PDB file of all heavy atoms in Angstrom:
ATOM      1  N   LEU A   1     119.901 149.061  85.779  1.00  0.00           N
ATOM      2  CA  LEU A   1     120.279 149.762  87.005  1.00  0.00           C
ATOM      3  C   LEU A   1     121.744 150.185  87.003  1.00  0.00           C
ATOM      4  O   LEU A   1     122.227 150.769  87.980  1.00  0.00           O
ATOM      5  CB  LEU A   1     120.012 148.866  88.224  1.00  0.00           C
ATOM      6  CG  LEU A   1     118.540 148.520  88.486  1.00  0.00           C
ATOM      7  CD1 LEU A   1     118.439 147.437  89.548  1.00  0.00           C
ATOM      8  CD2 LEU A   1     117.763 149.767  88.915  1.00  0.00           C
ATOM      9  N   ASN A   2     122.445 149.885  85.905  1.00  0.00           N
ATOM     10  CA  ASN A   2     123.868 150.213  85.774  1.00  0.00           C
ATOM     11  C   ASN A   2     124.701 149.545  86.867  1.00  0.00           C
ATOM     12  O   ASN A   2     125.618 150.134  87.443  1.00  0.00           O
ATOM     13  CB  ASN A   2     124.083 151.727  85.788  1.00  0.00           C
ATOM     14  CG  ASN A   2     125.450 152.118  85.239  1.00  0.00           C
ATOM     15  OD1 ASN A   2     126.042 151.403  84.430  1.00  0.00           O
ATOM     16  ND2 ASN A   2     125.962 153.254  85.688  1.00  0.00           N
ATOM     17  N   ILE A   3     124.367 148.278  87.143  1.00  0.00           N
ATOM     18  CA  ILE A   3     125.151 147.457  88.076  1.00  0.00           C
ATOM     19  C   ILE A   3     125.754 146.324  87.257  1.00  0.00           C
ATOM     20  O   ILE A   3     125.152 145.260  87.074  1.00  0.00           O
ATOM     21  CB  ILE A   3     124.260 146.920  89.212  1.00  0.00           C
ATOM     22  CG1 ILE A   3     123.624 148.082  89.989  1.00  0.00           C
ATOM     23  CG2 ILE A   3     125.071 146.031  90.155  1.00  0.00           C
ATOM     24  CD1 ILE A   3     122.662 147.657  91.073  1.00  0.00           C
ATOM     25  N   THR A   4     126.921 146.573  86.721  1.00  0.00           N
ATOM     26  CA  THR A   4     127.530 145.638  85.761  1.00  0.00           C
ATOM     27  C   THR A   4     129.018 145.441  86.007  1.00  0.00           C
ATOM     28  O   THR A   4     129.727 144.934  85.138  1.00  0.00           O
ATOM     29  CB  THR A   4     127.315 146.141  84.323  1.00  0.00           C
ATOM     30  OG1 THR A   4     127.878 147.451  84.187  1.00  0.00           O
ATOM     31  CG2 THR A   4     125.829 146.201  83.984  1.00  0.00           C
ATOM     32  N   ASP A   5     129.510 145.843  87.175  1.00  0.00           N
ATOM     33  CA  ASP A   5     130.955 145.784  87.422  1.00  0.00           C
ATOM     34  C   ASP A   5     131.471 144.351  87.464  1.00  0.00           C
ATOM     35  O   ASP A   5     132.592 144.073  87.042  1.00  0.00           O
ATOM     36  CB  ASP A   5     131.290 146.469  88.753  1.00  0.00           C
ATOM     37  CG  ASP A   5     130.754 147.889  88.826  1.00  0.00           C
ATOM     38  OD1 ASP A   5     130.787 148.573  87.799  1.00  0.00           O
ATOM     39  OD2 ASP A   5     130.293 148.294  89.910  1.00  0.00           O
ATOM     40  N   CYS A   6     130.668 143.438  87.997  1.00  0.00           N
ATOM     41  CA  CYS A   6     131.107 142.057  88.186  1.00  0.00           C
ATOM     42  C   CYS A   6     130.606 141.191  87.020  1.00  0.00           C
ATOM     43  O   CYS A   6     129.402 140.926  86.911  1.00  0.00           O
ATOM     44  CB  CYS A   6     130.587 141.516  89.519  1.00  0.00           C
ATOM     45  SG  CYS A   6     131.087 139.818  89.842  1.00  0.00           S
ATOM     46  N   SER A   7     131.518 140.750  86.188  1.00  0.00           N
ATOM     47  CA  SER A   7     131.122 139.984  85.000  1.00  0.00           C
ATOM     48  C   SER A   7     130.539 138.620  85.353  1.00  0.00           C
ATOM     49  O   SER A   7     129.766 138.047  84.585  1.00  0.00           O
ATOM     50  CB  SER A   7     132.327 139.801  84.072  1.00  0.00           C
ATOM     51  OG  SER A   7     133.380 139.128  84.748  1.00  0.00           O
ATOM     52  N   ALA A   8     130.888 138.109  86.542  1.00  0.00           N
ATOM     53  CA  ALA A   8     130.375 136.806  86.963  1.00  0.00           C
ATOM     54  C   ALA A   8     128.920 136.869  87.409  1.00  0.00           C
ATOM     55  O   ALA A   8     128.266 135.838  87.532  1.00  0.00           O
ATOM     56  CB  ALA A   8     131.243 136.232  88.082  1.00  0.00           C
ATOM     57  N   GLY A   9     128.425 138.071  87.657  1.00  0.00           N
ATOM     58  CA  GLY A   9     127.050 138.236  88.086  1.00  0.00           C
ATOM     59  C   GLY A   9     126.932 138.567  89.561  1.00  0.00           C
ATOM     60  O   GLY A   9     127.931 138.739  90.271  1.00  0.00           O
ATOM     61  N   TYR A  10     125.688 138.618  90.019  1.00  0.00           N
ATOM     62  CA  TYR A  10     125.400 139.069  91.377  1.00  0.00           C
ATOM     63  C   TYR A  10     124.369 138.158  92.036  1.00  0.00           C
ATOM     64  O   TYR A  10     123.546 137.532  91.361  1.00  0.00           O
ATOM     65  CB  TYR A  10     124.840 140.495  91.362  1.00  0.00           C
ATOM     66  CG  TYR A  10     125.837 141.551  90.939  1.00  0.00           C
ATOM     67  CD1 TYR A  10     126.099 141.785  89.588  1.00  0.00           C
ATOM     68  CD2 TYR A  10     126.519 142.316  91.882  1.00  0.00           C
ATOM     69  CE1 TYR A  10     127.004 142.755  89.193  1.00  0.00           C
ATOM     70  CE2 TYR A  10     127.425 143.292  91.498  1.00  0.00           C
ATOM     71  CZ  TYR A  10     127.661 143.505  90.155  1.00  0.00           C
ATOM     72  OH  TYR A  10     128.566 144.459  89.770  1.00  0.00           O
ATOM     73  N   LYS A  11     124.417 138.132  93.356  1.00  0.00           N
ATOM     74  CA  LYS A  11     123.394 137.490  94.152  1.00  0.00           C
ATOM     75  C   LYS A  11     122.475 138.559  94.722  1.00  0.00           C
ATOM     76  O   LYS A  11     122.937 139.595  95.202  1.00  0.00           O
ATOM     77  CB  LYS A  11     124.007 136.669  95.289  1.00  0.00           C
ATOM     78  CG  LYS A  11     124.780 135.442  94.796  1.00  0.00           C
ATOM     79  CD  LYS A  11     125.264 134.588  95.958  1.00  0.00           C
ATOM     80  CE  LYS A  11     125.940 133.314  95.450  1.00  0.00           C
ATOM     81  NZ  LYS A  11     126.367 132.425  96.555  1.00  0.00           N
ATOM     82  N   LEU A  12     121.164 138.305  94.667  1.00  0.00           N
ATOM     83  CA  LEU A  12     120.172 139.259  95.135  1.00  0.00           C
ATOM     84  C   LEU A  12     119.420 138.708  96.339  1.00  0.00           C
ATOM     85  O   LEU A  12     119.072 137.519  96.374  1.00  0.00           O
ATOM     86  CB  LEU A  12     119.164 139.593  94.029  1.00  0.00           C
ATOM     87  CG  LEU A  12     119.511 140.760  93.089  1.00  0.00           C
ATOM     88  CD1 LEU A  12     120.783 140.487  92.312  1.00  0.00           C
ATOM     89  CD2 LEU A  12     118.346 141.066  92.167  1.00  0.00           C
ATOM     90  N   TYR A  13     119.173 139.599  97.303  1.00  0.00           N
ATOM     91  CA  TYR A  13     118.445 139.238  98.515  1.00  0.00           C
ATOM     92  C   TYR A  13     117.328 140.253  98.739  1.00  0.00           C
ATOM     93  O   TYR A  13     117.525 141.461  98.606  1.00  0.00           O
ATOM     94  CB  TYR A  13     119.377 139.242  99.742  1.00  0.00           C
ATOM     95  CG  TYR A  13     120.536 138.280  99.616  1.00  0.00           C
ATOM     96  CD1 TYR A  13     121.697 138.647  98.934  1.00  0.00           C
ATOM     97  CD2 TYR A  13     120.474 137.012 100.179  1.00  0.00           C
ATOM     98  CE1 TYR A  13     122.763 137.771  98.810  1.00  0.00           C
ATOM     99  CE2 TYR A  13     121.540 136.125 100.062  1.00  0.00           C
ATOM    100  CZ  TYR A  13     122.684 136.509  99.370  1.00  0.00           C
ATOM    101  OH  TYR A  13     123.746 135.653  99.248  1.00  0.00           O
ATOM    102  N   ASP A  14     116.154 139.758  99.087  1.00  0.00           N
ATOM    103  CA  ASP A  14     115.044 140.620  99.472  1.00  0.00           C
ATOM    104  C   ASP A  14     115.199 140.934 100.957  1.00  0.00           C
ATOM    105  O   ASP A  14     115.116 140.044 101.815  1.00  0.00           O
ATOM    106  CB  ASP A  14     113.710 139.930  99.203  1.00  0.00           C
ATOM    107  CG  ASP A  14     112.519 140.834  99.441  1.00  0.00           C
ATOM    108  OD1 ASP A  14     112.445 141.453 100.522  1.00  0.00           O
ATOM    109  OD2 ASP A  14     111.640 140.926  98.548  1.00  0.00           O
ATOM    110  N   VAL A  15     115.408 142.214 101.274  1.00  0.00           N
ATOM    111  CA  VAL A  15     115.780 142.600 102.635  1.00  0.00           C
ATOM    112  C   VAL A  15     114.667 142.306 103.629  1.00  0.00           C
ATOM    113  O   VAL A  15     114.908 141.710 104.691  1.00  0.00           O
ATOM    114  CB  VAL A  15     116.170 144.088 102.672  1.00  0.00           C
ATOM    115  CG1 VAL A  15     116.399 144.558 104.110  1.00  0.00           C
ATOM    116  CG2 VAL A  15     117.426 144.332 101.822  1.00  0.00           C
ATOM    117  N   PHE A  16     113.437 142.700 103.331  1.00  0.00           N
ATOM    118  CA  PHE A  16     112.362 142.558 104.315  1.00  0.00           C
ATOM    119  C   PHE A  16     111.741 141.168 104.322  1.00  0.00           C
ATOM    120  O   PHE A  16     111.268 140.698 105.363  1.00  0.00           O
ATOM    121  CB  PHE A  16     111.296 143.626 104.091  1.00  0.00           C
ATOM    122  CG  PHE A  16     111.801 145.018 104.391  1.00  0.00           C
ATOM    123  CD1 PHE A  16     111.871 145.975 103.391  1.00  0.00           C
ATOM    124  CD2 PHE A  16     112.225 145.355 105.667  1.00  0.00           C
ATOM    125  CE1 PHE A  16     112.345 147.254 103.664  1.00  0.00           C
ATOM    126  CE2 PHE A  16     112.706 146.627 105.946  1.00  0.00           C
ATOM    127  CZ  PHE A  16     112.764 147.576 104.946  1.00  0.00           C
ATOM    128  N   GLU A  17     111.749 140.497 103.190  1.00  0.00           N
ATOM    129  CA  GLU A  17     111.283 139.110 103.177  1.00  0.00           C
ATOM    130  C   GLU A  17     112.348 138.153 103.697  1.00  0.00           C
ATOM    131  O   GLU A  17     112.073 136.982 103.954  1.00  0.00           O
ATOM    132  CB  GLU A  17     110.873 138.711 101.765  1.00  0.00           C
ATOM    133  CG  GLU A  17     109.653 139.448 101.235  1.00  0.00           C
ATOM    134  CD  GLU A  17     108.422 139.216 102.078  1.00  0.00           C
ATOM    135  OE1 GLU A  17     108.219 138.077 102.541  1.00  0.00           O
ATOM    136  OE2 GLU A  17     107.657 140.188 102.279  1.00  0.00           O
ATOM    137  N   LYS A  18     113.589 138.640 103.805  1.00  0.00           N
ATOM    138  CA  LYS A  18     114.727 137.846 104.296  1.00  0.00           C
ATOM    139  C   LYS A  18     114.911 136.591 103.452  1.00  0.00           C
ATOM    140  O   LYS A  18     115.094 135.487 103.969  1.00  0.00           O
ATOM    141  CB  LYS A  18     114.538 137.489 105.771  1.00  0.00           C
ATOM    142  CG  LYS A  18     114.415 138.714 106.676  1.00  0.00           C
ATOM    143  CD  LYS A  18     114.222 138.325 108.137  1.00  0.00           C
ATOM    144  CE  LYS A  18     114.079 139.551 109.011  1.00  0.00           C
ATOM    145  NZ  LYS A  18     113.872 139.231 110.429  1.00  0.00           N
ATOM    146  N   GLU A  19     114.863 136.797 102.127  1.00  0.00           N
ATOM    147  CA  GLU A  19     114.960 135.681 101.190  1.00  0.00           C
ATOM    148  C   GLU A  19     116.072 135.916 100.182  1.00  0.00           C
ATOM    149  O   GLU A  19     116.310 137.042  99.745  1.00  0.00           O
ATOM    150  CB  GLU A  19     113.640 135.513 100.427  1.00  0.00           C
ATOM    151  CG  GLU A  19     112.481 135.046 101.261  1.00  0.00           C
ATOM    152  CD  GLU A  19     111.192 134.925 100.451  1.00  0.00           C
ATOM    153  OE1 GLU A  19     111.176 135.372  99.291  1.00  0.00           O
ATOM    154  OE2 GLU A  19     110.228 134.366 100.981  1.00  0.00           O
ATOM    155  N   PHE A  20     116.735 134.825  99.817  1.00  0.00           N
ATOM    156  CA  PHE A  20     117.668 134.847  98.692  1.00  0.00           C
ATOM    157  C   PHE A  20     116.844 134.768  97.411  1.00  0.00           C
ATOM    158  O   PHE A  20     116.063 133.828  97.216  1.00  0.00           O
ATOM    159  CB  PHE A  20     118.636 133.670  98.794  1.00  0.00           C
ATOM    160  CG  PHE A  20     119.514 133.500  97.589  1.00  0.00           C
ATOM    161  CD1 PHE A  20     120.366 134.506  97.169  1.00  0.00           C
ATOM    162  CD2 PHE A  20     119.486 132.313  96.865  1.00  0.00           C
ATOM    163  CE1 PHE A  20     121.179 134.334  96.050  1.00  0.00           C
ATOM    164  CE2 PHE A  20     120.291 132.134  95.752  1.00  0.00           C
ATOM    165  CZ  PHE A  20     121.141 133.151  95.347  1.00  0.00           C
ATOM    166  N   VAL A  21     116.997 135.773  96.545  1.00  0.00           N
ATOM    167  CA  VAL A  21     116.193 135.837  95.329  1.00  0.00           C
ATOM    168  C   VAL A  21     116.799 135.007  94.215  1.00  0.00           C
ATOM    169  O   VAL A  21     116.095 134.367  93.429  1.00  0.00           O
ATOM    170  CB  VAL A  21     116.016 137.303  94.878  1.00  0.00           C
ATOM    171  CG1 VAL A  21     115.182 137.393  93.600  1.00  0.00           C
ATOM    172  CG2 VAL A  21     115.370 138.124  95.990  1.00  0.00           C
ATOM    173  N   GLY A  22     118.143 135.001  94.117  1.00  0.00           N
ATOM    174  CA  GLY A  22     118.803 134.217  93.084  1.00  0.00           C
ATOM    175  C   GLY A  22     120.040 134.907  92.554  1.00  0.00           C
ATOM    176  O   GLY A  22     120.427 135.991  93.007  1.00  0.00           O
ATOM    177  N   GLU A  23     120.690 134.233  91.583  1.00  0.00           N
ATOM    178  CA  GLU A  23     121.863 134.798  90.911  1.00  0.00           C
ATOM    179  C   GLU A  23     121.425 135.422  89.593  1.00  0.00           C
ATOM    180  O   GLU A  23     120.640 134.830  88.848  1.00  0.00           O
ATOM    181  CB  GLU A  23     122.917 133.719  90.686  1.00  0.00           C
ATOM    182  CG  GLU A  23     123.475 133.148  91.984  1.00  0.00           C
ATOM    183  CD  GLU A  23     124.607 132.144  91.754  1.00  0.00           C
ATOM    184  OE1 GLU A  23     124.909 131.844  90.561  1.00  0.00           O
ATOM    185  OE2 GLU A  23     125.171 131.669  92.743  1.00  0.00           O
ATOM    186  N   PHE A  24     121.963 136.618  89.309  1.00  0.00           N
ATOM    187  CA  PHE A  24     121.503 137.393  88.163  1.00  0.00           C
ATOM    188  C   PHE A  24     122.686 137.903  87.350  1.00  0.00           C
ATOM    189  O   PHE A  24     123.695 138.345  87.908  1.00  0.00           O
ATOM    190  CB  PHE A  24     120.662 138.594  88.622  1.00  0.00           C
ATOM    191  CG  PHE A  24     119.308 138.206  89.166  1.00  0.00           C
ATOM    192  CD1 PHE A  24     119.182 137.636  90.429  1.00  0.00           C
ATOM    193  CD2 PHE A  24     118.159 138.424  88.422  1.00  0.00           C
ATOM    194  CE1 PHE A  24     117.944 137.289  90.932  1.00  0.00           C
ATOM    195  CE2 PHE A  24     116.910 138.077  88.915  1.00  0.00           C
ATOM    196  CZ  PHE A  24     116.801 137.504  90.165  1.00  0.00           C
ATOM    197  N   GLN A  25     122.549 137.821  86.033  1.00  0.00           N
ATOM    198  CA  GLN A  25     123.461 138.479  85.112  1.00  0.00           C
ATOM    199  C   GLN A  25     122.892 139.846  84.742  1.00  0.00           C
ATOM    200  O   GLN A  25     121.771 140.209  85.142  1.00  0.00           O
ATOM    201  CB  GLN A  25     123.663 137.617  83.865  1.00  0.00           C
ATOM    202  CG  GLN A  25     124.174 136.216  84.141  1.00  0.00           C
ATOM    203  CD  GLN A  25     125.539 136.213  84.792  1.00  0.00           C
ATOM    204  OE1 GLN A  25     126.437 136.946  84.372  1.00  0.00           O
ATOM    205  NE2 GLN A  25     125.706 135.392  85.832  1.00  0.00           N
ATOM    206  N   SER A  26     123.620 140.609  83.956  1.00  0.00           N
ATOM    207  CA  SER A  26     123.220 141.987  83.688  1.00  0.00           C
ATOM    208  C   SER A  26     121.878 142.077  82.970  1.00  0.00           C
ATOM    209  O   SER A  26     121.145 143.056  83.141  1.00  0.00           O
ATOM    210  CB  SER A  26     124.306 142.702  82.870  1.00  0.00           C
ATOM    211  OG  SER A  26     124.460 142.074  81.611  1.00  0.00           O
ATOM    212  N   ASN A  27     121.540 141.060  82.159  1.00  0.00           N
ATOM    213  CA  ASN A  27     120.288 141.124  81.393  1.00  0.00           C
ATOM    214  C   ASN A  27     119.193 140.216  81.930  1.00  0.00           C
ATOM    215  O   ASN A  27     118.132 140.079  81.311  1.00  0.00           O
ATOM    216  CB  ASN A  27     120.555 140.792  79.924  1.00  0.00           C
ATOM    217  CG  ASN A  27     121.136 139.394  79.755  1.00  0.00           C
ATOM    218  OD1 ASN A  27     121.494 138.745  80.734  1.00  0.00           O
ATOM    219  ND2 ASN A  27     121.223 138.941  78.505  1.00  0.00           N
ATOM    220  N   THR A  28     119.419 139.572  83.092  1.00  0.00           N
ATOM    221  CA  THR A  28     118.395 138.708  83.674  1.00  0.00           C
ATOM    222  C   THR A  28     117.254 139.559  84.227  1.00  0.00           C
ATOM    223  O   THR A  28     117.493 140.478  85.014  1.00  0.00           O
ATOM    224  CB  THR A  28     118.980 137.862  84.820  1.00  0.00           C
ATOM    225  OG1 THR A  28     120.153 137.191  84.378  1.00  0.00           O
ATOM    226  CG2 THR A  28     117.962 136.854  85.327  1.00  0.00           C
ATOM    227  N   PRO A  29     116.015 139.298  83.854  1.00  0.00           N
ATOM    228  CA  PRO A  29     114.905 140.106  84.376  1.00  0.00           C
ATOM    229  C   PRO A  29     114.760 139.960  85.893  1.00  0.00           C
ATOM    230  O   PRO A  29     114.877 138.868  86.450  1.00  0.00           O
ATOM    231  CB  PRO A  29     113.685 139.545  83.653  1.00  0.00           C
ATOM    232  CG  PRO A  29     114.220 138.836  82.452  1.00  0.00           C
ATOM    233  CD  PRO A  29     115.559 138.304  82.856  1.00  0.00           C
ATOM    234  N   ILE A  30     114.515 141.072  86.548  1.00  0.00           N
ATOM    235  CA  ILE A  30     114.191 141.102  87.972  1.00  0.00           C
ATOM    236  C   ILE A  30     112.727 141.514  88.073  1.00  0.00           C
ATOM    237  O   ILE A  30     112.364 142.644  87.746  1.00  0.00           O
ATOM    238  CB  ILE A  30     115.083 142.099  88.734  1.00  0.00           C
ATOM    239  CG1 ILE A  30     116.568 141.759  88.548  1.00  0.00           C
ATOM    240  CG2 ILE A  30     114.727 142.118  90.219  1.00  0.00           C
ATOM    241  CD1 ILE A  30     117.504 142.820  89.100  1.00  0.00           C
ATOM    242  N   ASN A  31     111.883 140.594  88.503  1.00  0.00           N
ATOM    243  CA  ASN A  31     110.439 140.836  88.537  1.00  0.00           C
ATOM    244  C   ASN A  31     109.978 141.079  89.973  1.00  0.00           C
ATOM    245  O   ASN A  31     110.177 140.238  90.849  1.00  0.00           O
ATOM    246  CB  ASN A  31     109.692 139.638  87.947  1.00  0.00           C
ATOM    247  CG  ASN A  31     110.042 139.397  86.490  1.00  0.00           C
ATOM    248  OD1 ASN A  31     109.969 140.326  85.669  1.00  0.00           O
ATOM    249  ND2 ASN A  31     110.436 138.171  86.160  1.00  0.00           N
ATOM    250  N   LEU A  32     109.355 142.232  90.198  1.00  0.00           N
ATOM    251  CA  LEU A  32     108.907 142.612  91.527  1.00  0.00           C
ATOM    252  C   LEU A  32     107.434 142.993  91.494  1.00  0.00           C
ATOM    253  O   LEU A  32     106.895 143.342  90.443  1.00  0.00           O
ATOM    254  CB  LEU A  32     109.714 143.814  92.039  1.00  0.00           C
ATOM    255  CG  LEU A  32     111.238 143.673  92.089  1.00  0.00           C
ATOM    256  CD1 LEU A  32     111.869 144.997  92.485  1.00  0.00           C
ATOM    257  CD2 LEU A  32     111.668 142.569  93.042  1.00  0.00           C
ATOM    258  N   LYS A  33     106.804 142.936  92.680  1.00  0.00           N
ATOM    259  CA  LYS A  33     105.472 143.479  92.854  1.00  0.00           C
ATOM    260  C   LYS A  33     105.497 144.438  94.036  1.00  0.00           C
ATOM    261  O   LYS A  33     105.976 144.077  95.124  1.00  0.00           O
ATOM    262  CB  LYS A  33     104.441 142.375  93.083  1.00  0.00           C
ATOM    263  CG  LYS A  33     103.897 141.781  91.795  1.00  0.00           C
ATOM    264  CD  LYS A  33     102.621 141.000  92.048  1.00  0.00           C
ATOM    265  CE  LYS A  33     102.013 140.550  90.706  1.00  0.00           C
ATOM    266  NZ  LYS A  33     100.757 139.796  90.916  1.00  0.00           N
ATOM    267  N   LEU A  34     104.969 145.652  93.825  1.00  0.00           N
ATOM    268  CA  LEU A  34     105.023 146.692  94.833  1.00  0.00           C
ATOM    269  C   LEU A  34     103.629 146.979  95.366  1.00  0.00           C
ATOM    270  O   LEU A  34     102.745 147.417  94.626  1.00  0.00           O
ATOM    271  CB  LEU A  34     105.613 147.974  94.249  1.00  0.00           C
ATOM    272  CG  LEU A  34     107.125 148.037  93.987  1.00  0.00           C
ATOM    273  CD1 LEU A  34     107.911 147.806  95.255  1.00  0.00           C
ATOM    274  CD2 LEU A  34     107.552 147.126  92.880  1.00  0.00           C
ATOM    275  N   ASN A  35     103.420 146.734  96.653  1.00  0.00           N
ATOM    276  CA  ASN A  35     102.146 147.054  97.268  1.00  0.00           C
ATOM    277  C   ASN A  35     101.954 148.569  97.346  1.00  0.00           C
ATOM    278  O   ASN A  35     102.927 149.324  97.390  1.00  0.00           O
ATOM    279  CB  ASN A  35     102.063 146.455  98.671  1.00  0.00           C
ATOM    280  CG  ASN A  35     102.019 144.945  98.645  1.00  0.00           C
ATOM    281  OD1 ASN A  35     101.563 144.346  97.667  1.00  0.00           O
ATOM    282  ND2 ASN A  35     102.493 144.318  99.716  1.00  0.00           N
ATOM    283  N   PRO A  36     100.724 149.048  97.370  1.00  0.00           N
ATOM    284  CA  PRO A  36     100.491 150.490  97.489  1.00  0.00           C
ATOM    285  C   PRO A  36     101.198 151.077  98.714  1.00  0.00           C
ATOM    286  O   PRO A  36     101.124 150.506  99.809  1.00  0.00           O
ATOM    287  CB  PRO A  36      98.971 150.594  97.627  1.00  0.00           C
ATOM    288  CG  PRO A  36      98.453 149.368  96.953  1.00  0.00           C
ATOM    289  CD  PRO A  36      99.457 148.294  97.248  1.00  0.00           C
ATOM    290  N   THR A  37     101.876 152.186  98.521  1.00  0.00           N
ATOM    291  CA  THR A  37     102.684 152.902  99.515  1.00  0.00           C
ATOM    292  C   THR A  37     103.770 152.015 100.134  1.00  0.00           C
ATOM    293  O   THR A  37     104.303 152.337 101.194  1.00  0.00           O
ATOM    294  CB  THR A  37     101.823 153.532 100.632  1.00  0.00           C
ATOM    295  OG1 THR A  37     101.208 152.497 101.425  1.00  0.00           O
ATOM    296  CG2 THR A  37     100.761 154.449 100.053  1.00  0.00           C
ATOM    297  N   GLY A  38     104.096 150.919  99.466  1.00  0.00           N
ATOM    298  CA  GLY A  38     105.103 149.994  99.964  1.00  0.00           C
ATOM    299  C   GLY A  38     106.404 150.090  99.198  1.00  0.00           C
ATOM    300  O   GLY A  38     106.526 150.811  98.208  1.00  0.00           O
ATOM    301  N   ALA A  39     107.375 149.350  99.661  1.00  0.00           N
ATOM    302  CA  ALA A  39     108.693 149.340  99.021  1.00  0.00           C
ATOM    303  C   ALA A  39     109.274 147.941  99.084  1.00  0.00           C
ATOM    304  O   ALA A  39     108.994 147.168 100.009  1.00  0.00           O
ATOM    305  CB  ALA A  39     109.637 150.327  99.698  1.00  0.00           C
ATOM    306  N   VAL A  40     110.096 147.637  98.081  1.00  0.00           N
ATOM    307  CA  VAL A  40     110.936 146.438  98.099  1.00  0.00           C
ATOM    308  C   VAL A  40     112.377 146.919  98.114  1.00  0.00           C
ATOM    309  O   VAL A  40     112.755 147.803  97.327  1.00  0.00           O
ATOM    310  CB  VAL A  40     110.681 145.542  96.874  1.00  0.00           C
ATOM    311  CG1 VAL A  40     111.707 144.420  96.812  1.00  0.00           C
ATOM    312  CG2 VAL A  40     109.262 144.966  96.922  1.00  0.00           C
ATOM    313  N   MET A  41     113.176 146.369  99.026  1.00  0.00           N
ATOM    314  CA  MET A  41     114.595 146.715  99.058  1.00  0.00           C
ATOM    315  C   MET A  41     115.405 145.466  98.765  1.00  0.00           C
ATOM    316  O   MET A  41     115.192 144.408  99.376  1.00  0.00           O
ATOM    317  CB  MET A  41     115.007 147.321 100.401  1.00  0.00           C
ATOM    318  CG  MET A  41     116.472 147.761 100.410  1.00  0.00           C
ATOM    319  SD  MET A  41     116.905 148.999 101.673  1.00  0.00           S
ATOM    320  CE  MET A  41     116.462 148.156 103.176  1.00  0.00           C
TER     321      MET A  41
END
């Protein structure tokens, strides 16, 4: 996603589930499931 400015990594939050997803480095896989006509933010 070309989000690599912070070498320490990033924290990710699922906006609609209102959940903390975890801490991620640039190469950490982000695994999502998308419902039909749905979105994850």
